[in-house]
Amino acid sequence: MPVSLDMRSLSRPQTILIVDDDASVRLTLSRMLRLAGYDVLTAINVETGLTEVATGHPDAVLLDLRMPLSDGLAFMRVLRTRERARHTPVAIITGDYFLDEVVISELRELAAPVYFKPIWLQDLIAIVKRMCGPD
């Protein structure tokens, strides 16, 4: 009897990079994404995040906006200048509900939609699917 294969099961899982200085946020988002079948990379700051983009080639990035030393906006500015990563989908996930209109405008120009914490599982998966496609 012939065996039918689902080609999606043979493809690699999509990889999501989480860049956030808060360890509990990284852990929570990582667990949620892994439960949904994604591979996850994490970075504690902008510098490490940019290195992970260059070496890990994630399919999408979830990025905190407010981090010490360098923030998510700085990450986006650098990312969009890199040839191989220029079109990597990025979503900003922040707890800062009082963003300046200039920052929001620049993030829009850099193709980084903004979402606010807390993020529930179904919302997180919907965000990732919008960035990467269903599977």
Foldseek 3Di string as FASTA:
>chain_A
DDDDDDVVVVDAAAEEEEEALDPVVLVVLCVLVVVVPHHYHYHNHLVVSVVCCVPVVGQAYEAEADDPPDGPLVSLVVQCVDPSRNLRHYEYEYQDPDDDPVSCVSCVVSNYHYDYPPADSVRSLVVVCVRRNDD
